[in-house]
C-alpha atoms as a PDB file:
ATOM      1  CA  MET A   1     -16.380 -17.580  32.675  1.00  0.00           C
ATOM      2  CA  GLU A   2     -17.879 -15.339  30.005  1.00  0.00           C
ATOM      3  CA  MET A   3     -20.324 -18.095  29.042  1.00  0.00           C
ATOM      4  CA  PHE A   4     -21.349 -18.466  32.684  1.00  0.00           C
ATOM      5  CA  PHE A   5     -22.072 -14.751  33.046  1.00  0.00           C
ATOM      6  CA  SER A   6     -23.927 -14.828  29.748  1.00  0.00           C
ATOM      7  CA  LEU A   7     -26.120 -17.566  31.235  1.00  0.00           C
ATOM      8  CA  LEU A   8     -26.756 -15.422  34.319  1.00  0.00           C
ATOM      9  CA  ASP A   9     -27.583 -12.469  32.076  1.00  0.00           C
ATOM     10  CA  SER A  10     -30.171 -14.588  30.239  1.00  0.00           C
ATOM     11  CA  THR A  11     -31.569 -15.700  33.596  1.00  0.00           C
ATOM     12  CA  VAL A  12     -32.206 -12.095  34.646  1.00  0.00           C
ATOM     13  CA  ARG A  13     -33.905 -11.314  31.332  1.00  0.00           C
ATOM     14  CA  VAL A  14     -36.158 -14.381  31.470  1.00  0.00           C
ATOM     15  CA  ALA A  15     -36.920 -13.947  35.178  1.00  0.00           C
ATOM     16  CA  THR A  16     -38.175 -10.349  34.988  1.00  0.00           C
ATOM     17  CA  PRO A  17     -41.731 -11.061  33.691  1.00  0.00           C
ATOM     18  CA  LEU A  18     -41.962 -14.077  36.018  1.00  0.00           C
ATOM     19  CA  VAL A  19     -41.039 -11.923  39.019  1.00  0.00           C
ATOM     20  CA  LEU A  20     -43.593  -9.253  38.111  1.00  0.00           C
ATOM     21  CA  ALA A  21     -46.339 -11.839  37.615  1.00  0.00           C
ATOM     22  CA  ALA A  22     -45.451 -13.701  40.829  1.00  0.00           C
ATOM     23  CA  LEU A  23     -45.610 -10.486  42.865  1.00  0.00           C
ATOM     24  CA  ALA A  24     -48.934  -9.669  41.194  1.00  0.00           C
ATOM     25  CA  GLY A  25     -50.263 -13.063  42.255  1.00  0.00           C
ATOM     26  CA  MET A  26     -48.941 -12.510  45.762  1.00  0.00           C
ATOM     27  CA  PHE A  27     -51.051  -9.366  46.170  1.00  0.00           C
ATOM     28  CA  SER A  28     -54.276 -11.068  45.122  1.00  0.00           C
ATOM     29  CA  GLU A  29     -53.709 -14.396  46.874  1.00  0.00           C
ATOM     30  CA  ARG A  30     -52.556 -12.784  50.113  1.00  0.00           C
ATOM     31  CA  SER A  31     -55.908 -10.994  50.109  1.00  0.00           C
ATOM     32  CA  GLY A  32     -57.728 -14.328  49.777  1.00  0.00           C
ATOM     33  CA  VAL A  33     -58.483 -14.314  46.027  1.00  0.00           C
ATOM     34  CA  VAL A  34     -57.143 -17.200  43.927  1.00  0.00           C
ATOM     35  CA  ASP A  35     -55.538 -15.740  40.820  1.00  0.00           C
ATOM     36  CA  ILE A  36     -54.884 -18.211  38.020  1.00  0.00           C
ATOM     37  CA  SER A  37     -55.618 -15.414  35.543  1.00  0.00           C
ATOM     38  CA  LEU A  38     -52.020 -14.107  35.600  1.00  0.00           C
ATOM     39  CA  GLU A  39     -51.483 -15.683  32.188  1.00  0.00           C
ATOM     40  CA  GLY A  40     -54.495 -13.955  30.642  1.00  0.00           C
ATOM     41  CA  LYS A  41     -53.686 -10.550  32.117  1.00  0.00           C
ATOM     42  CA  MET A  42     -50.104 -10.756  30.845  1.00  0.00           C
ATOM     43  CA  LEU A  43     -51.367 -11.741  27.393  1.00  0.00           C
ATOM     44  CA  VAL A  44     -53.830  -8.856  27.004  1.00  0.00           C
ATOM     45  CA  ALA A  45     -51.174  -6.470  28.328  1.00  0.00           C
ATOM     46  CA  ALA A  46     -48.664  -7.752  25.785  1.00  0.00           C
ATOM     47  CA  PHE A  47     -51.143  -7.179  22.949  1.00  0.00           C
ATOM     48  CA  ALA A  48     -52.375  -3.774  24.142  1.00  0.00           C
ATOM     49  CA  SER A  49     -48.856  -2.453  24.758  1.00  0.00           C
ATOM     50  CA  ALA A  50     -47.567  -3.661  21.391  1.00  0.00           C
ATOM     51  CA  ALA A  51     -50.560  -2.166  19.559  1.00  0.00           C
ATOM     52  CA  ALA A  52     -50.299   1.177  21.374  1.00  0.00           C
ATOM     53  CA  ALA A  53     -46.525   1.378  20.960  1.00  0.00           C
ATOM     54  CA  TYR A  54     -46.857   0.613  17.222  1.00  0.00           C
ATOM     55  CA  VAL A  55     -49.457   3.350  16.721  1.00  0.00           C
ATOM     56  CA  THR A  56     -47.869   6.034  18.924  1.00  0.00           C
ATOM     57  CA  HIS A  57     -44.177   5.148  18.445  1.00  0.00           C
ATOM     58  CA  ASN A  58     -43.826   5.591  22.203  1.00  0.00           C
ATOM     59  CA  PRO A  59     -42.951   2.615  24.445  1.00  0.00           C
ATOM     60  CA  TRP A  60     -44.098   4.429  27.584  1.00  0.00           C
ATOM     61  CA  LEU A  61     -47.578   4.894  26.126  1.00  0.00           C
ATOM     62  CA  GLY A  62     -47.416   1.206  25.244  1.00  0.00           C
ATOM     63  CA  LEU A  63     -46.630   0.449  28.887  1.00  0.00           C
ATOM     64  CA  LEU A  64     -49.566   2.589  29.993  1.00  0.00           C
ATOM     65  CA  ALA A  65     -51.904   0.777  27.585  1.00  0.00           C
ATOM     66  CA  GLY A  66     -50.645  -2.613  28.798  1.00  0.00           C
ATOM     67  CA  ILE A  67     -51.234  -1.674  32.430  1.00  0.00           C
ATOM     68  CA  MET A  68     -54.734  -0.377  31.652  1.00  0.00           C
ATOM     69  CA  ALA A  69     -55.632  -3.588  29.795  1.00  0.00           C
ATOM     70  CA  ALA A  70     -54.366  -5.823  32.605  1.00  0.00           C
ATOM     71  CA  VAL A  71     -56.078  -3.725  35.283  1.00  0.00           C
ATOM     72  CA  SER A  72     -59.343  -3.952  33.336  1.00  0.00           C
ATOM     73  CA  MET A  73     -59.122  -7.753  33.375  1.00  0.00           C
ATOM     74  CA  ALA A  74     -58.201  -7.662  37.070  1.00  0.00           C
ATOM     75  CA  MET A  75     -61.285  -5.590  37.828  1.00  0.00           C
ATOM     76  CA  VAL A  76     -63.456  -8.090  35.955  1.00  0.00           C
ATOM     77  CA  HIS A  77     -61.961 -10.825  38.131  1.00  0.00           C
ATOM     78  CA  ALA A  78     -62.604  -8.701  41.241  1.00  0.00           C
ATOM     79  CA  PHE A  79     -66.189  -7.947  40.195  1.00  0.00           C
ATOM     80  CA  VAL A  80     -66.993 -11.638  39.775  1.00  0.00           C
ATOM     81  CA  SER A  81     -65.002 -12.941  42.739  1.00  0.00           C
ATOM     82  CA  VAL A  82     -65.438 -10.185  45.328  1.00  0.00           C
ATOM     83  CA  THR A  83     -68.672  -8.353  44.542  1.00  0.00           C
ATOM     84  CA  TYR A  84     -70.708 -11.390  43.457  1.00  0.00           C
ATOM     85  CA  ASN A  85     -68.752 -14.093  45.349  1.00  0.00           C
ATOM     86  CA  GLY A  86     -68.326 -16.147  42.186  1.00  0.00           C
ATOM     87  CA  ASN A  87     -66.056 -19.141  41.833  1.00  0.00           C
ATOM     88  CA  GLN A  88     -62.564 -17.659  41.681  1.00  0.00           C
ATOM     89  CA  LEU A  89     -61.019 -20.537  39.725  1.00  0.00           C
ATOM     90  CA  ILE A  90     -63.691 -20.377  37.027  1.00  0.00           C
ATOM     91  CA  SER A  91     -63.393 -16.598  36.832  1.00  0.00           C
ATOM     92  CA  GLY A  92     -59.616 -16.824  36.407  1.00  0.00           C
ATOM     93  CA  MET A  93     -59.854 -19.537  33.777  1.00  0.00           C
ATOM     94  CA  ALA A  94     -62.493 -17.531  31.919  1.00  0.00           C
ATOM     95  CA  ILE A  95     -60.129 -14.544  31.770  1.00  0.00           C
ATOM     96  CA  ASN A  96     -57.363 -16.775  30.405  1.00  0.00           C
ATOM     97  CA  THR A  97     -59.708 -18.164  27.766  1.00  0.00           C
ATOM     98  CA  VAL A  98     -61.007 -14.744  26.739  1.00  0.00           C
ATOM     99  CA  ALA A  99     -57.458 -13.349  26.515  1.00  0.00           C
ATOM    100  CA  SER A 100     -56.310 -16.299  24.434  1.00  0.00           C
ATOM    101  CA  GLY A 101     -59.176 -15.768  21.989  1.00  0.00           C
ATOM    102  CA  ILE A 102     -59.595 -12.019  21.791  1.00  0.00           C
ATOM    103  CA  THR A 103     -55.940 -11.046  21.262  1.00  0.00           C
ATOM    104  CA  PRO A 104     -55.420 -12.907  17.953  1.00  0.00           C
ATOM    105  CA  VAL A 105     -58.896 -11.863  16.747  1.00  0.00           C
ATOM    106  CA  LEU A 106     -58.156  -8.174  17.376  1.00  0.00           C
ATOM    107  CA  GLY A 107     -54.673  -8.605  15.961  1.00  0.00           C
ATOM    108  CA  LEU A 108     -56.072 -10.104  12.767  1.00  0.00           C
ATOM    109  CA  ALA A 109     -58.714  -7.380  12.472  1.00  0.00           C
ATOM    110  CA  TRP A 110     -56.307  -4.492  13.075  1.00  0.00           C
ATOM    111  CA  PHE A 111     -53.055  -5.630  11.498  1.00  0.00           C
ATOM    112  CA  GLN A 112     -53.967  -8.508   9.096  1.00  0.00           C
ATOM    113  CA  GLN A 113     -50.859 -10.466  10.107  1.00  0.00           C
ATOM    114  CA  GLY A 114     -52.340 -13.732  11.292  1.00  0.00           C
ATOM    115  CA  GLY A 115     -53.203 -12.430  14.748  1.00  0.00           C
ATOM    116  CA  ASN A 116     -49.750 -11.003  15.426  1.00  0.00           C
ATOM    117  CA  SER A 117     -48.744  -7.367  15.500  1.00  0.00           C
ATOM    118  CA  PRO A 118     -46.189  -5.831  13.099  1.00  0.00           C
ATOM    119  CA  GLN A 119     -42.584  -5.609  14.219  1.00  0.00           C
ATOM    120  CA  LEU A 120     -42.204  -2.469  16.299  1.00  0.00           C
ATOM    121  CA  PRO A 121     -39.935   0.283  14.964  1.00  0.00           C
ATOM    122  CA  GLU A 122     -36.867   1.156  17.017  1.00  0.00           C
ATOM    123  CA  ASP A 123     -38.396   4.276  18.559  1.00  0.00           C
ATOM    124  CA  ALA A 124     -41.406   2.275  19.781  1.00  0.00           C
ATOM    125  CA  ARG A 125     -39.374  -0.248  21.806  1.00  0.00           C
ATOM    126  CA  PHE A 126     -37.538  -0.280  25.099  1.00  0.00           C
ATOM    127  CA  HIS A 127     -33.815  -0.802  24.575  1.00  0.00           C
ATOM    128  CA  GLU A 128     -30.844  -1.953  26.611  1.00  0.00           C
ATOM    129  CA  ILE A 129     -29.186   0.635  28.811  1.00  0.00           C
ATOM    130  CA  VAL A 130     -25.389   0.472  28.807  1.00  0.00           C
ATOM    131  CA  LEU A 131     -24.040   1.646  32.152  1.00  0.00           C
ATOM    132  CA  PRO A 132     -21.036   4.030  32.262  1.00  0.00           C
ATOM    133  CA  PHE A 133     -17.622   2.402  31.705  1.00  0.00           C
ATOM    134  CA  ALA A 134     -19.181  -0.998  30.931  1.00  0.00           C
ATOM    135  CA  ASP A 135     -17.082  -1.452  27.790  1.00  0.00           C
ATOM    136  CA  ALA A 136     -13.896  -0.212  29.459  1.00  0.00           C
ATOM    137  CA  LEU A 137     -14.245  -2.626  32.386  1.00  0.00           C
ATOM    138  CA  ARG A 138     -15.164  -5.645  30.280  1.00  0.00           C
ATOM    139  CA  ASP A 139     -11.626  -7.105  30.413  1.00  0.00           C
ATOM    140  CA  VAL A 140     -11.274  -6.813  34.213  1.00  0.00           C
ATOM    141  CA  PRO A 141     -11.422 -10.344  35.682  1.00  0.00           C
ATOM    142  CA  VAL A 142     -14.712 -11.302  37.360  1.00  0.00           C
ATOM    143  CA  LEU A 143     -15.767  -7.820  38.536  1.00  0.00           C
ATOM    144  CA  GLY A 144     -15.601  -6.475  35.000  1.00  0.00           C
ATOM    145  CA  LEU A 145     -17.802  -9.293  33.747  1.00  0.00           C
ATOM    146  CA  VAL A 146     -20.234  -8.791  36.625  1.00  0.00           C
ATOM    147  CA  TYR A 147     -20.567  -5.106  35.770  1.00  0.00           C
ATOM    148  CA  SER A 148     -20.524  -5.295  31.982  1.00  0.00           C
ATOM    149  CA  LYS A 149     -22.425  -8.569  31.416  1.00  0.00           C
ATOM    150  CA  LEU A 150     -24.694  -8.937  34.447  1.00  0.00           C
ATOM    151  CA  LEU A 151     -25.475  -5.410  35.641  1.00  0.00           C
ATOM    152  CA  SER A 152     -25.239  -3.461  32.383  1.00  0.00           C
ATOM    153  CA  GLY A 153     -27.222  -3.888  29.194  1.00  0.00           C
ATOM    154  CA  HIS A 154     -30.754  -4.399  30.489  1.00  0.00           C
ATOM    155  CA  SER A 155     -34.024  -2.639  29.782  1.00  0.00           C
ATOM    156  CA  ILE A 156     -35.309   0.108  32.065  1.00  0.00           C
ATOM    157  CA  LEU A 157     -38.087  -2.316  33.047  1.00  0.00           C
ATOM    158  CA  VAL A 158     -35.494  -4.726  34.485  1.00  0.00           C
ATOM    159  CA  TYR A 159     -33.935  -1.983  36.616  1.00  0.00           C
ATOM    160  CA  ILE A 160     -37.368  -0.794  37.772  1.00  0.00           C
ATOM    161  CA  THR A 161     -38.261  -4.361  38.764  1.00  0.00           C
ATOM    162  CA  VAL A 162     -35.027  -5.065  40.641  1.00  0.00           C
ATOM    163  CA  PHE A 163     -34.456  -1.740  42.371  1.00  0.00           C
ATOM    164  CA  MET A 164     -38.022  -0.472  42.854  1.00  0.00           C
ATOM    165  CA  VAL A 165     -40.740  -3.104  42.502  1.00  0.00           C
ATOM    166  CA  ILE A 166     -39.262  -5.935  44.607  1.00  0.00           C
ATOM    167  CA  PRO A 167     -38.188  -3.740  47.577  1.00  0.00           C
ATOM    168  CA  LEU A 168     -41.419  -1.719  47.383  1.00  0.00           C
ATOM    169  CA  VAL A 169     -43.657  -4.806  47.387  1.00  0.00           C
ATOM    170  CA  ALA A 170     -41.783  -6.307  50.355  1.00  0.00           C
ATOM    171  CA  TRP A 171     -42.041  -3.000  52.224  1.00  0.00           C
ATOM    172  CA  VAL A 172     -45.752  -2.599  51.481  1.00  0.00           C
ATOM    173  CA  LEU A 173     -46.532  -6.155  52.543  1.00  0.00           C
ATOM    174  CA  TYR A 174     -44.691  -6.109  55.870  1.00  0.00           C
ATOM    175  CA  LYS A 175     -44.231  -2.470  56.890  1.00  0.00           C
ATOM    176  CA  THR A 176     -47.430  -0.609  55.975  1.00  0.00           C
ATOM    177  CA  ARG A 177     -50.975  -0.473  57.259  1.00  0.00           C
ATOM    178  CA  PHE A 178     -52.294  -1.697  53.915  1.00  0.00           C
ATOM    179  CA  GLY A 179     -49.967  -4.713  54.053  1.00  0.00           C
ATOM    180  CA  LEU A 180     -51.192  -5.588  57.538  1.00  0.00           C
ATOM    181  CA  ARG A 181     -54.808  -5.317  56.387  1.00  0.00           C
ATOM    182  CA  LEU A 182     -54.032  -7.352  53.289  1.00  0.00           C
ATOM    183  CA  ARG A 183     -52.589 -10.209  55.349  1.00  0.00           C
ATOM    184  CA  ALA A 184     -55.421  -9.981  57.874  1.00  0.00           C
ATOM    185  CA  VAL A 185     -58.081 -10.187  55.166  1.00  0.00           C
ATOM    186  CA  GLY A 186     -56.354 -13.197  53.621  1.00  0.00           C
ATOM    187  CA  GLU A 187     -56.130 -15.041  56.931  1.00  0.00           C
ATOM    188  CA  ASN A 188     -59.410 -14.147  58.627  1.00  0.00           C
ATOM    189  CA  PRO A 189     -61.714 -11.776  56.737  1.00  0.00           C
ATOM    190  CA  HIS A 190     -64.454 -11.963  59.384  1.00  0.00           C
ATOM    191  CA  ALA A 191     -62.077 -10.776  62.107  1.00  0.00           C
ATOM    192  CA  ALA A 192     -60.835  -8.022  59.788  1.00  0.00           C
ATOM    193  CA  ASP A 193     -64.422  -6.986  59.083  1.00  0.00           C
ATOM    194  CA  THR A 194     -65.162  -6.881  62.809  1.00  0.00           C
ATOM    195  CA  ALA A 195     -62.168  -4.551  63.223  1.00  0.00           C
ATOM    196  CA  GLY A 196     -63.718  -2.158  60.717  1.00  0.00           C
ATOM    197  CA  ILE A 197     -61.664  -3.139  57.665  1.00  0.00           C
ATOM    198  CA  SER A 198     -63.512  -3.239  54.344  1.00  0.00           C
ATOM    199  CA  VAL A 199     -62.703  -6.687  52.967  1.00  0.00           C
ATOM    200  CA  ALA A 200     -64.019  -5.827  49.505  1.00  0.00           C
ATOM    201  CA  LYS A 201     -61.949  -2.616  49.320  1.00  0.00           C
ATOM    202  CA  VAL A 202     -58.734  -4.412  50.329  1.00  0.00           C
ATOM    203  CA  ARG A 203     -59.300  -7.190  47.798  1.00  0.00           C
ATOM    204  CA  TYR A 204     -60.147  -4.763  44.998  1.00  0.00           C
ATOM    205  CA  THR A 205     -57.002  -2.755  45.789  1.00  0.00           C
ATOM    206  CA  ALA A 206     -54.872  -5.909  45.848  1.00  0.00           C
ATOM    207  CA  LEU A 207     -56.202  -7.051  42.476  1.00  0.00           C
ATOM    208  CA  LEU A 208     -55.681  -3.569  41.039  1.00  0.00           C
ATOM    209  CA  TRP A 209     -51.983  -3.573  41.977  1.00  0.00           C
ATOM    210  CA  GLY A 210     -51.726  -7.114  40.699  1.00  0.00           C
ATOM    211  CA  GLY A 211     -53.085  -5.863  37.377  1.00  0.00           C
ATOM    212  CA  VAL A 212     -50.460  -3.092  37.273  1.00  0.00           C
ATOM    213  CA  LEU A 213     -47.637  -5.612  37.743  1.00  0.00           C
ATOM    214  CA  CYS A 214     -49.111  -8.000  35.149  1.00  0.00           C
ATOM    215  CA  GLY A 215     -49.323  -5.053  32.749  1.00  0.00           C
ATOM    216  CA  MET A 216     -45.614  -4.395  33.227  1.00  0.00           C
ATOM    217  CA  ALA A 217     -44.836  -8.100  32.684  1.00  0.00           C
ATOM    218  CA  GLY A 218     -46.828  -8.275  29.447  1.00  0.00           C
ATOM    219  CA  THR A 219     -45.287  -5.049  28.161  1.00  0.00           C
ATOM    220  CA  TYR A 220     -41.811  -6.415  28.857  1.00  0.00           C
ATOM    221  CA  LEU A 221     -42.532  -9.440  26.670  1.00  0.00           C
ATOM    222  CA  SER A 222     -43.830  -7.572  23.625  1.00  0.00           C
ATOM    223  CA  VAL A 223     -42.360  -4.065  23.672  1.00  0.00           C
ATOM    224  CA  TYR A 224     -38.886  -5.086  24.818  1.00  0.00           C
ATOM    225  CA  GLN A 225     -38.130  -8.792  24.538  1.00  0.00           C
ATOM    226  CA  THR A 226     -39.629  -9.716  21.155  1.00  0.00           C
ATOM    227  CA  GLY A 227     -40.474  -6.313  19.670  1.00  0.00           C
ATOM    228  CA  SER A 228     -43.974  -7.417  18.625  1.00  0.00           C
ATOM    229  CA  PHE A 229     -47.004  -9.322  19.826  1.00  0.00           C
ATOM    230  CA  ILE A 230     -47.111 -13.023  18.935  1.00  0.00           C
ATOM    231  CA  LYS A 231     -50.086 -15.286  19.551  1.00  0.00           C
ATOM    232  CA  GLU A 232     -49.879 -17.062  22.931  1.00  0.00           C
ATOM    233  CA  MET A 233     -46.513 -15.424  23.544  1.00  0.00           C
ATOM    234  CA  THR A 234     -46.819 -15.781  27.325  1.00  0.00           C
ATOM    235  CA  ALA A 235     -46.427 -19.568  26.796  1.00  0.00           C
ATOM    236  CA  GLY A 236     -47.338 -20.577  30.346  1.00  0.00           C
ATOM    237  CA  LYS A 237     -45.284 -17.915  32.118  1.00  0.00           C
ATOM    238  CA  GLY A 238     -48.272 -16.957  34.250  1.00  0.00           C
ATOM    239  CA  PHE A 239     -48.564 -20.509  35.555  1.00  0.00           C
ATOM    240  CA  LEU A 240     -44.802 -20.704  36.159  1.00  0.00           C
ATOM    241  CA  ALA A 241     -45.069 -17.473  38.158  1.00  0.00           C
ATOM    242  CA  LEU A 242     -47.901 -19.005  40.173  1.00  0.00           C
ATOM    243  CA  ALA A 243     -45.738 -22.067  40.834  1.00  0.00           C
ATOM    244  CA  ALA A 244     -42.890 -19.790  41.961  1.00  0.00           C
ATOM    245  CA  LEU A 245     -45.312 -18.041  44.308  1.00  0.00           C
ATOM    246  CA  ILE A 246     -46.263 -21.372  45.883  1.00  0.00           C
ATOM    247  CA  PHE A 247     -42.583 -22.350  45.978  1.00  0.00           C
ATOM    248  CA  GLY A 248     -41.916 -19.124  47.904  1.00  0.00           C
ATOM    249  CA  LYS A 249     -44.831 -19.829  50.275  1.00  0.00           C
ATOM    250  CA  TRP A 250     -46.540 -16.558  49.333  1.00  0.00           C
ATOM    251  CA  ARG A 251     -43.575 -14.435  50.456  1.00  0.00           C
ATOM    252  CA  PRO A 252     -41.903 -11.926  48.115  1.00  0.00           C
ATOM    253  CA  VAL A 253     -38.187 -12.745  48.383  1.00  0.00           C
ATOM    254  CA  PRO A 254     -38.527 -16.574  48.259  1.00  0.00           C
ATOM    255  CA  ALA A 255     -40.965 -16.171  45.343  1.00  0.00           C
ATOM    256  CA  VAL A 256     -38.357 -14.099  43.483  1.00  0.00           C
ATOM    257  CA  ILE A 257     -35.785 -16.838  44.168  1.00  0.00           C
ATOM    258  CA  GLY A 258     -38.221 -19.386  42.715  1.00  0.00           C
ATOM    259  CA  CYS A 259     -38.598 -17.236  39.585  1.00  0.00           C
ATOM    260  CA  LEU A 260     -34.811 -17.086  39.225  1.00  0.00           C
ATOM    261  CA  LEU A 261     -34.595 -20.889  39.477  1.00  0.00           C
ATOM    262  CA  PHE A 262     -37.196 -21.382  36.749  1.00  0.00           C
ATOM    263  CA  ALA A 263     -35.560 -18.696  34.602  1.00  0.00           C
ATOM    264  CA  PHE A 264     -32.155 -20.354  35.051  1.00  0.00           C
ATOM    265  CA  ALA A 265     -33.632 -23.644  33.834  1.00  0.00           C
ATOM    266  CA  ASP A 266     -35.171 -21.814  30.869  1.00  0.00           C
ATOM    267  CA  ALA A 267     -31.830 -20.170  30.058  1.00  0.00           C
ATOM    268  CA  ILE A 268     -30.111 -23.558  30.142  1.00  0.00           C
ATOM    269  CA  GLN A 269     -32.802 -24.896  27.831  1.00  0.00           C
ATOM    270  CA  ILE A 270     -32.051 -22.113  25.320  1.00  0.00           C
ATOM    271  CA  ARG A 271     -28.304 -22.807  25.522  1.00  0.00           C
ATOM    272  CA  LEU A 272     -28.750 -26.575  25.003  1.00  0.00           C
ATOM    273  CA  GLU A 273     -30.887 -26.184  21.886  1.00  0.00           C
ATOM    274  CA  GLY A 274     -29.025 -27.877  19.010  1.00  0.00           C
ATOM    275  CA  VAL A 275     -25.859 -28.495  21.065  1.00  0.00           C
ATOM    276  CA  ALA A 276     -24.217 -31.946  20.976  1.00  0.00           C
ATOM    277  CA  LEU A 277     -23.174 -33.017  24.485  1.00  0.00           C
ATOM    278  CA  PRO A 278     -20.279 -35.438  25.155  1.00  0.00           C
ATOM    279  CA  VAL A 279     -21.384 -39.119  25.196  1.00  0.00           C
ATOM    280  CA  ILE A 280     -25.083 -38.162  25.074  1.00  0.00           C
ATOM    281  CA  GLY A 281     -25.005 -36.355  21.748  1.00  0.00           C
ATOM    282  CA  GLN A 282     -27.681 -33.908  20.660  1.00  0.00           C
ATOM    283  CA  ILE A 283     -30.727 -33.897  22.941  1.00  0.00           C
ATOM    284  CA  PRO A 284     -34.117 -33.742  21.167  1.00  0.00           C
ATOM    285  CA  SER A 285     -35.630 -30.266  21.300  1.00  0.00           C
ATOM    286  CA  GLN A 286     -38.835 -31.657  22.823  1.00  0.00           C
ATOM    287  CA  ALA A 287     -36.891 -33.012  25.801  1.00  0.00           C
ATOM    288  CA  ILE A 288     -35.081 -29.706  26.249  1.00  0.00           C
ATOM    289  CA  ALA A 289     -38.313 -27.693  26.113  1.00  0.00           C
ATOM    290  CA  VAL A 290     -39.795 -29.468  29.141  1.00  0.00           C
ATOM    291  CA  ILE A 291     -36.832 -28.727  31.472  1.00  0.00           C
ATOM    292  CA  PRO A 292     -38.472 -25.719  33.239  1.00  0.00           C
ATOM    293  CA  TYR A 293     -41.726 -27.620  33.740  1.00  0.00           C
ATOM    294  CA  VAL A 294     -39.981 -30.751  35.054  1.00  0.00           C
ATOM    295  CA  LEU A 295     -38.080 -28.531  37.478  1.00  0.00           C
ATOM    296  CA  THR A 296     -41.388 -26.976  38.556  1.00  0.00           C
ATOM    297  CA  VAL A 297     -42.923 -30.380  39.306  1.00  0.00           C
ATOM    298  CA  LEU A 298     -39.824 -31.608  41.160  1.00  0.00           C
ATOM    299  CA  LEU A 299     -39.548 -28.496  43.306  1.00  0.00           C
ATOM    300  CA  LEU A 300     -43.216 -28.355  44.199  1.00  0.00           C
ATOM    301  CA  ALA A 301     -43.493 -32.110  44.766  1.00  0.00           C
ATOM    302  CA  GLY A 302     -40.493 -32.817  46.900  1.00  0.00           C
ATOM    303  CA  PHE A 303     -38.210 -29.924  47.759  1.00  0.00           C
ATOM    304  CA  VAL A 304     -40.438 -27.137  49.026  1.00  0.00           C
ATOM    305  CA  GLY A 305     -41.821 -28.591  52.211  1.00  0.00           C
ATOM    306  CA  ARG A 306     -45.300 -27.818  53.313  1.00  0.00           C
ATOM    307  CA  ALA A 307     -46.583 -24.632  51.692  1.00  0.00           C
ATOM    308  CA  VAL A 308     -49.373 -23.189  53.799  1.00  0.00           C
ATOM    309  CA  ALA A 309     -51.599 -20.856  51.801  1.00  0.00           C
ATOM    310  CA  PRO A 310     -53.526 -17.955  53.364  1.00  0.00           C
ATOM    311  CA  LYS A 311     -56.389 -19.535  55.279  1.00  0.00           C
ATOM    312  CA  ALA A 312     -59.185 -17.642  53.527  1.00  0.00           C
ATOM    313  CA  ILE A 313     -57.871 -18.099  49.994  1.00  0.00           C
ATOM    314  CA  GLY A 314     -60.567 -19.130  47.553  1.00  0.00           C
ATOM    315  CA  VAL A 315     -63.356 -18.675  50.098  1.00  0.00           C
ATOM    316  CA  PRO A 316     -65.947 -16.005  49.182  1.00  0.00           C
ATOM    317  CA  PHE A 317     -66.523 -13.532  51.992  1.00  0.00           C
ATOM    318  CA  VAL A 318     -70.117 -13.160  53.126  1.00  0.00           C
ATOM    319  CA  LYS A 319     -70.531 -10.420  55.699  1.00  0.00           C
ATOM    320  CA  SER A 320     -71.836 -11.644  59.061  1.00  0.00           C
ATOM    321  CA  ARG A 321     -75.124 -10.192  60.229  1.00  0.00           C
END
């Protein structure tokens, strides 16, 4: 039972950056802008937050720097895709390429550690928060494990994501005027423009909030999870988040469920590393490493059903005259 709850605890930790990135992609894609640059924005945020936290010894300033870096990349994507109607896929891939190249170059120039950042000191990192009575309730069957292992012992960023970001994004998307305009622009920008809605303003705003969430995701990876920036540390998480978004059919709660599924597979992968199974024996590490990606392909290929994207996604908006 304790091992099972430990697996669930790992799932929550792994899922948090995926959830933030998936919700970031939902903002931009619901507005009609394809966003395959989630990976690049997370990567620059991870580097900027680690560098700022190392210099200032303040994780919150690191978070601010990560958000600013990701928003800057998001605005570049918006400038190319919205203002100049450029190819959104090429713009996103360019951001990924630039992020992959510039982060180790700056890391090497600033820290001389092979493109990585130094290990962050304790006061520069986010730490686990132990909830009241977690240790005292640890021995209580089931409920004690739920409280002490699953609910307690996470970073403040996890609690912000679960109790603020997910409900807030769902509320904004379905219960606010901006959410209605966002969905309208993603489905039929010409009709929205006729109704007096600025398509460019809505898409810029959507990409800005997407940048904020990607900044939080990147900061989580470097300032909390690993305690430093490592080259290519996002390791495809942006693309997994995009797959979870498609799995959830561009809706917040199903997308979060998709992130939890992928994170659960990743947690199982970590647990199976170097473990000898009955009859089978020890599974090669290469086979274990592909479990989340195989699950992604299987889910998207055969178990999702038809995923209908916003009708105007990927189509540049040219104002009618």
